[in-house]
């Protein structure tokens, strides 16, 4: 069970990409004073947590309502993960930026919701991970607890990296962040292929 949890936690951490969200965070909040940036960090984490809790609670119901089988969602989730990994691997330095904005400081709360909370933190990759895991077991409580135990420390790590974003950028530089993001993308690409394979098995297309 520990190995299963560790795999889930590492998957969540790779998708959250705490290093990769630093450049867009700095780009969208760099012109605000320090106290406003701290508020934006806290609000973005809380909003993202609320979105993720919603999908942990209702993810299985969403699948049942639309009649989507777990195998089909595994395949679609794997394809989605692959495109995310592809973008992580092939994007160029400085390409991961939020749209330029000339908003007033009073609108910082909106920036904390979009694009920081959604989709940079609670993005399609993490939502897909939640629904996949909720669909993989007949027992609702077990995957819900596992996901919560994996996501909570992941969000804490995200918050720490956001707090240390400016310092981290000075320490490892743009090149260091670029290299780490590529490594994470390679890991996610491997996970995406495994998801597609598992989904084909669940659909009966591939036999063990």
Foldseek 3Di string as FASTA:
>chain_A
DVVVLVVLLLLLLLLLLLLVCLVQLCQVPVVDDPVLSLVLLVLLLVLLVVVLLVCLVCLVVVCVVVVNALLNLLQVLLVVLLVVLVCLQPPDQPPPYDDDDDDDSVCSSVVSNPPRNPPSRNNPNLSSSSSSQCNPDPDSPVSSVSSVVSVVVSSVSSSVCNVCSVVVCVVCNSVNSSVVSNVSSVVSNVVSVVSNVVSCVVVVNDDD
